[in-house]
Every structure is written in C-alpha cells, then in structure tokens.
C-alpha cells in the first residue's frame, strides 16, 4: 500500500513547483518584451545617423552625376533629388529613395554655418519643405540639422569634409 502512494506522488508536480515555473516564465517573458520594444529616442538617433550617412552618399552621387543634389524634408519624411538641365528628378534607387520618418516629427530646422538662428524651419504639418543643396565639391559648407519629436531632440552636424556627427539633446 505504501508503494502505491509513493508512485502516485512521483508522477505529478507539486503546487510549489508549478508556481516556480510560472514565475520564471513570467520573468523571461518580461525580459524579452522589454528588450524587443524599441525606444523612441533611440529610433530618432538612428534616423539622424542614417541621414548623416545618406547625405555622404548623396554627395558622392552629385560628383558622379555632375549635377547638384538636394535633400528635401518635411514633417512626414525626406527625399533626395537631382537638378540637371533645369529639370528636377527624384532619386529612386534603393539607398537614396524617399523615406518616411520612423517617429513623427514636431519640428525640423536647418542651421547654416555656425549660426545660432535657423535658416529654414518647419513647425507645423503642411508647411513647405526645407531644402538643402549638397555640393559636388569635396569641401562642403558647414550646416546642422535639428530633428525634434515628442520624445526628444537630436542634431546632425556636418563639417566641411562632409562628415556627420549626431548629438542627442535633452
């Protein structure tokens, strides 16, 4: 009789063992959820880095084409286009294609040189886009792009060599 009671007990889990497994599964699920949820501030910084890299590619494209290339943006997204023979041509290759912002912007400003005041700014949806010419020359003018959304601000500074630097602001 004792043998039957022991064999019944060894076939199942105790309530305590079940609770431990459920708690561990919950902790693991919470860790996975936290790690896979994108941080909106990081998305904004990543978008700023992408713009810095794409402007460098657009400068190379301007040199290859022998045409001026422009970066144009509004609060919905941005695009690159070339102007040759007085005609505007949207660049549609895989790299310089038109893109939407990952996180909606509230403000977009361009500062030329070391100026403390923006030369172009967008504060509301439907406003005309800002445009920035990307020179064909190896030496570019200095400029700074500021992106602002409800989660933060980030600036992309371009030096005369065309290199970009991203600065996250509070």
C-alpha atoms as a PDB file:
ATOM      1  CA  UNK A   1       0.000   0.000   0.000  1.00  0.00           C
ATOM      2  CA  UNK A   2       2.828   2.348   0.708  1.00  0.00           C
ATOM      3  CA  UNK A   3       4.295   1.636  -2.685  1.00  0.00           C
ATOM      4  CA  UNK A   4       1.149   2.755  -4.490  1.00  0.00           C
ATOM      5  CA  UNK A   5       1.056   6.051  -2.616  1.00  0.00           C
ATOM      6  CA  UNK A   6       4.714   6.755  -3.430  1.00  0.00           C
ATOM      7  CA  UNK A   7       4.293   6.029  -7.130  1.00  0.00           C
ATOM      8  CA  UNK A   8       1.267   8.331  -7.363  1.00  0.00           C
ATOM      9  CA  UNK A   9       3.215  11.123  -5.734  1.00  0.00           C
ATOM     10  CA  UNK A  10       6.227  10.840  -8.081  1.00  0.00           C
ATOM     11  CA  UNK A  11       4.093  11.083 -11.215  1.00  0.00           C
ATOM     12  CA  UNK A  12       2.958  14.702 -10.761  1.00  0.00           C
ATOM     13  CA  UNK A  13       4.230  18.167  -9.851  1.00  0.00           C
ATOM     14  CA  UNK A  14       3.573  19.901  -6.578  1.00  0.00           C
ATOM     15  CA  UNK A  15       1.823  23.229  -6.462  1.00  0.00           C
ATOM     16  CA  UNK A  16       5.062  24.915  -5.398  1.00  0.00           C
ATOM     17  CA  UNK A  17       6.955  23.517  -8.403  1.00  0.00           C
ATOM     18  CA  UNK A  18       4.230  24.751 -10.746  1.00  0.00           C
ATOM     19  CA  UNK A  19       4.330  28.246  -9.196  1.00  0.00           C
ATOM     20  CA  UNK A  20       8.120  28.437  -9.569  1.00  0.00           C
ATOM     21  CA  UNK A  21       7.890  27.504 -13.255  1.00  0.00           C
ATOM     22  CA  UNK A  22       5.145  30.089 -13.881  1.00  0.00           C
ATOM     23  CA  UNK A  23       7.139  32.835 -12.109  1.00  0.00           C
ATOM     24  CA  UNK A  24      10.293  32.023 -14.107  1.00  0.00           C
ATOM     25  CA  UNK A  25       8.335  32.014 -17.369  1.00  0.00           C
ATOM     26  CA  UNK A  26       6.852  35.408 -16.463  1.00  0.00           C
ATOM     27  CA  UNK A  27      10.279  36.879 -15.726  1.00  0.00           C
ATOM     28  CA  UNK A  28      11.684  35.598 -19.012  1.00  0.00           C
ATOM     29  CA  UNK A  29       8.698  36.922 -20.941  1.00  0.00           C
ATOM     30  CA  UNK A  30       9.095  40.339 -19.297  1.00  0.00           C
ATOM     31  CA  UNK A  31      12.802  40.460 -20.223  1.00  0.00           C
ATOM     32  CA  UNK A  32      12.105  39.550 -23.837  1.00  0.00           C
ATOM     33  CA  UNK A  33       9.309  42.134 -24.079  1.00  0.00           C
ATOM     34  CA  UNK A  34      11.464  44.920 -22.625  1.00  0.00           C
ATOM     35  CA  UNK A  35      14.376  44.116 -24.951  1.00  0.00           C
ATOM     36  CA  UNK A  36      12.267  43.957 -28.111  1.00  0.00           C
ATOM     37  CA  UNK A  37      10.266  47.148 -27.505  1.00  0.00           C
ATOM     38  CA  UNK A  38      12.015  49.913 -29.485  1.00  0.00           C
ATOM     39  CA  UNK A  39      12.979  53.055 -27.603  1.00  0.00           C
ATOM     40  CA  UNK A  40      11.584  56.087 -29.490  1.00  0.00           C
ATOM     41  CA  UNK A  41      14.642  58.192 -28.554  1.00  0.00           C
ATOM     42  CA  UNK A  42      16.963  55.557 -29.997  1.00  0.00           C
ATOM     43  CA  UNK A  43      14.841  55.489 -33.156  1.00  0.00           C
ATOM     44  CA  UNK A  44      15.320  59.259 -33.523  1.00  0.00           C
ATOM     45  CA  UNK A  45      19.097  58.959 -33.034  1.00  0.00           C
ATOM     46  CA  UNK A  46      19.226  56.064 -35.511  1.00  0.00           C
ATOM     47  CA  UNK A  47      17.289  58.158 -38.052  1.00  0.00           C
ATOM     48  CA  UNK A  48      19.735  61.048 -37.573  1.00  0.00           C
ATOM     49  CA  UNK A  49      22.697  58.719 -38.166  1.00  0.00           C
ATOM     50  CA  UNK A  50      21.021  57.401 -41.309  1.00  0.00           C
ATOM     51  CA  UNK A  51      20.590  60.949 -42.626  1.00  0.00           C
ATOM     52  CA  UNK A  52      24.270  61.651 -41.963  1.00  0.00           C
ATOM     53  CA  UNK A  53      25.287  58.594 -43.956  1.00  0.00           C
ATOM     54  CA  UNK A  54      22.811  59.250 -46.769  1.00  0.00           C
ATOM     55  CA  UNK A  55      23.987  62.844 -47.223  1.00  0.00           C
ATOM     56  CA  UNK A  56      27.512  61.465 -47.723  1.00  0.00           C
ATOM     57  CA  UNK A  57      26.191  59.050 -50.349  1.00  0.00           C
ATOM     58  CA  UNK A  58      24.260  61.900 -51.994  1.00  0.00           C
ATOM     59  CA  UNK A  59      27.460  63.993 -52.179  1.00  0.00           C
ATOM     60  CA  UNK A  60      29.155  61.104 -53.993  1.00  0.00           C
ATOM     61  CA  UNK A  61      26.126  60.843 -56.297  1.00  0.00           C
ATOM     62  CA  UNK A  62      26.371  64.586 -57.064  1.00  0.00           C
ATOM     63  CA  UNK A  63      30.037  64.189 -58.022  1.00  0.00           C
ATOM     64  CA  UNK A  64      29.317  61.176 -60.233  1.00  0.00           C
ATOM     65  CA  UNK A  65      26.346  62.803 -61.972  1.00  0.00           C
ATOM     66  CA  UNK A  66      27.960  66.213 -62.246  1.00  0.00           C
ATOM     67  CA  UNK A  67      24.635  67.640 -61.050  1.00  0.00           C
ATOM     68  CA  UNK A  68      23.582  69.305 -57.858  1.00  0.00           C
ATOM     69  CA  UNK A  69      21.678  67.009 -55.489  1.00  0.00           C
ATOM     70  CA  UNK A  70      19.235  68.328 -52.900  1.00  0.00           C
ATOM     71  CA  UNK A  71      17.956  66.912 -49.638  1.00  0.00           C
ATOM     72  CA  UNK A  72      14.353  67.922 -49.046  1.00  0.00           C
ATOM     73  CA  UNK A  73      12.290  67.172 -45.939  1.00  0.00           C
ATOM     74  CA  UNK A  74       9.053  67.934 -44.185  1.00  0.00           C
ATOM     75  CA  UNK A  75       7.468  66.574 -41.007  1.00  0.00           C
ATOM     76  CA  UNK A  76       6.329  63.406 -42.832  1.00  0.00           C
ATOM     77  CA  UNK A  77       9.605  62.312 -44.426  1.00  0.00           C
ATOM     78  CA  UNK A  78      12.531  63.195 -46.663  1.00  0.00           C
ATOM     79  CA  UNK A  79      13.812  62.630 -50.190  1.00  0.00           C
ATOM     80  CA  UNK A  80      16.787  63.321 -52.419  1.00  0.00           C
ATOM     81  CA  UNK A  81      16.530  64.783 -55.901  1.00  0.00           C
ATOM     82  CA  UNK A  82      18.905  65.964 -58.582  1.00  0.00           C
ATOM     83  CA  UNK A  83      18.560  69.009 -60.801  1.00  0.00           C
ATOM     84  CA  UNK A  84      20.008  68.686 -64.284  1.00  0.00           C
ATOM     85  CA  UNK A  85      19.161  70.746 -67.356  1.00  0.00           C
ATOM     86  CA  UNK A  86      16.698  72.712 -65.242  1.00  0.00           C
ATOM     87  CA  UNK A  87      14.667  69.585 -64.510  1.00  0.00           C
ATOM     88  CA  UNK A  88      14.051  68.105 -61.067  1.00  0.00           C
ATOM     89  CA  UNK A  89      14.497  64.317 -60.882  1.00  0.00           C
ATOM     90  CA  UNK A  90      13.602  62.391 -57.718  1.00  0.00           C
ATOM     91  CA  UNK A  91      16.282  59.826 -56.855  1.00  0.00           C
ATOM     92  CA  UNK A  92      14.612  56.444 -56.520  1.00  0.00           C
ATOM     93  CA  UNK A  93      17.472  53.979 -56.089  1.00  0.00           C
ATOM     94  CA  UNK A  94      17.491  51.665 -53.063  1.00  0.00           C
ATOM     95  CA  UNK A  95      19.763  53.887 -50.986  1.00  0.00           C
ATOM     96  CA  UNK A  96      18.575  57.423 -51.772  1.00  0.00           C
ATOM     97  CA  UNK A  97      14.884  56.608 -52.075  1.00  0.00           C
ATOM     98  CA  UNK A  98      12.144  58.630 -50.441  1.00  0.00           C
ATOM     99  CA  UNK A  99      11.603  57.724 -46.779  1.00  0.00           C
ATOM    100  CA  UNK A 100       9.144  58.475 -44.002  1.00  0.00           C
ATOM    101  CA  UNK A 101      10.312  59.337 -40.518  1.00  0.00           C
ATOM    102  CA  UNK A 102      10.224  56.361 -38.151  1.00  0.00           C
ATOM    103  CA  UNK A 103       8.722  58.545 -35.424  1.00  0.00           C
ATOM    104  CA  UNK A 104       6.575  61.606 -36.297  1.00  0.00           C
ATOM    105  CA  UNK A 105       8.442  64.908 -36.029  1.00  0.00           C
ATOM    106  CA  UNK A 106       7.175  68.101 -34.444  1.00  0.00           C
ATOM    107  CA  UNK A 107       9.959  70.393 -35.673  1.00  0.00           C
ATOM    108  CA  UNK A 108      12.687  70.330 -38.299  1.00  0.00           C
ATOM    109  CA  UNK A 109      15.326  73.054 -38.628  1.00  0.00           C
ATOM    110  CA  UNK A 110      18.437  73.700 -40.713  1.00  0.00           C
ATOM    111  CA  UNK A 111      21.253  75.916 -39.424  1.00  0.00           C
ATOM    112  CA  UNK A 112      23.895  77.081 -41.888  1.00  0.00           C
ATOM    113  CA  UNK A 113      27.468  77.630 -40.765  1.00  0.00           C
ATOM    114  CA  UNK A 114      27.811  78.450 -37.069  1.00  0.00           C
ATOM    115  CA  UNK A 115      24.603  80.488 -36.946  1.00  0.00           C
ATOM    116  CA  UNK A 116      22.504  80.319 -33.789  1.00  0.00           C
ATOM    117  CA  UNK A 117      19.335  81.029 -35.766  1.00  0.00           C
ATOM    118  CA  UNK A 118      17.849  78.510 -38.204  1.00  0.00           C
ATOM    119  CA  UNK A 119      17.911  79.434 -41.875  1.00  0.00           C
ATOM    120  CA  UNK A 120      14.928  77.144 -42.520  1.00  0.00           C
ATOM    121  CA  UNK A 121      12.413  75.716 -40.072  1.00  0.00           C
ATOM    122  CA  UNK A 122       9.201  73.676 -40.141  1.00  0.00           C
ATOM    123  CA  UNK A 123       6.919  73.870 -37.124  1.00  0.00           C
ATOM    124  CA  UNK A 124       3.622  72.548 -38.489  1.00  0.00           C
ATOM    125  CA  UNK A 125       2.352  69.880 -40.841  1.00  0.00           C
ATOM    126  CA  UNK A 126       1.619  71.178 -44.322  1.00  0.00           C
ATOM    127  CA  UNK A 127       4.393  73.782 -44.215  1.00  0.00           C
ATOM    128  CA  UNK A 128       6.697  73.988 -47.248  1.00  0.00           C
ATOM    129  CA  UNK A 129       9.612  71.541 -47.047  1.00  0.00           C
ATOM    130  CA  UNK A 130      13.131  72.568 -46.121  1.00  0.00           C
ATOM    131  CA  UNK A 131      15.754  72.117 -48.838  1.00  0.00           C
ATOM    132  CA  UNK A 132      19.459  71.725 -48.554  1.00  0.00           C
ATOM    133  CA  UNK A 133      21.776  71.691 -51.579  1.00  0.00           C
ATOM    134  CA  UNK A 134      24.517  69.087 -51.448  1.00  0.00           C
ATOM    135  CA  UNK A 135      27.560  70.407 -53.259  1.00  0.00           C
ATOM    136  CA  UNK A 136      29.541  68.440 -55.845  1.00  0.00           C
ATOM    137  CA  UNK A 137      32.793  69.780 -54.416  1.00  0.00           C
ATOM    138  CA  UNK A 138      34.849  67.828 -51.914  1.00  0.00           C
ATOM    139  CA  UNK A 139      34.606  70.664 -49.397  1.00  0.00           C
ATOM    140  CA  UNK A 140      31.039  71.193 -48.186  1.00  0.00           C
ATOM    141  CA  UNK A 141      29.620  74.148 -46.283  1.00  0.00           C
ATOM    142  CA  UNK A 142      29.070  73.576 -42.554  1.00  0.00           C
ATOM    143  CA  UNK A 143      25.480  73.007 -41.523  1.00  0.00           C
ATOM    144  CA  UNK A 144      23.395  71.458 -38.775  1.00  0.00           C
ATOM    145  CA  UNK A 145      20.066  69.680 -38.935  1.00  0.00           C
ATOM    146  CA  UNK A 146      17.851  69.504 -35.836  1.00  0.00           C
ATOM    147  CA  UNK A 147      15.037  66.983 -35.514  1.00  0.00           C
ATOM    148  CA  UNK A 148      12.528  67.261 -32.676  1.00  0.00           C
ATOM    149  CA  UNK A 149       9.692  64.962 -31.710  1.00  0.00           C
ATOM    150  CA  UNK A 150       7.631  64.405 -28.595  1.00  0.00           C
ATOM    151  CA  UNK A 151      10.336  62.043 -27.254  1.00  0.00           C
ATOM    152  CA  UNK A 152      13.375  64.294 -27.667  1.00  0.00           C
ATOM    153  CA  UNK A 153      15.685  66.310 -29.884  1.00  0.00           C
ATOM    154  CA  UNK A 154      18.683  65.296 -31.921  1.00  0.00           C
ATOM    155  CA  UNK A 155      21.101  67.280 -34.081  1.00  0.00           C
ATOM    156  CA  UNK A 156      23.228  66.168 -37.001  1.00  0.00           C
ATOM    157  CA  UNK A 157      26.253  68.379 -37.603  1.00  0.00           C
ATOM    158  CA  UNK A 158      28.165  68.277 -40.889  1.00  0.00           C
ATOM    159  CA  UNK A 159      31.748  69.504 -41.125  1.00  0.00           C
ATOM    160  CA  UNK A 160      33.453  70.867 -44.283  1.00  0.00           C
ATOM    161  CA  UNK A 161      34.695  67.372 -45.182  1.00  0.00           C
ATOM    162  CA  UNK A 162      31.066  66.180 -45.282  1.00  0.00           C
ATOM    163  CA  UNK A 163      31.411  64.006 -42.166  1.00  0.00           C
ATOM    164  CA  UNK A 164      28.430  63.899 -39.840  1.00  0.00           C
ATOM    165  CA  UNK A 165      28.204  63.805 -36.076  1.00  0.00           C
ATOM    166  CA  UNK A 166      24.985  63.069 -34.177  1.00  0.00           C
ATOM    167  CA  UNK A 167      24.290  64.882 -30.919  1.00  0.00           C
ATOM    168  CA  UNK A 168      21.352  63.752 -28.792  1.00  0.00           C
ATOM    169  CA  UNK A 169      19.848  66.673 -26.870  1.00  0.00           C
ATOM    170  CA  UNK A 170      17.533  66.748 -23.862  1.00  0.00           C
END
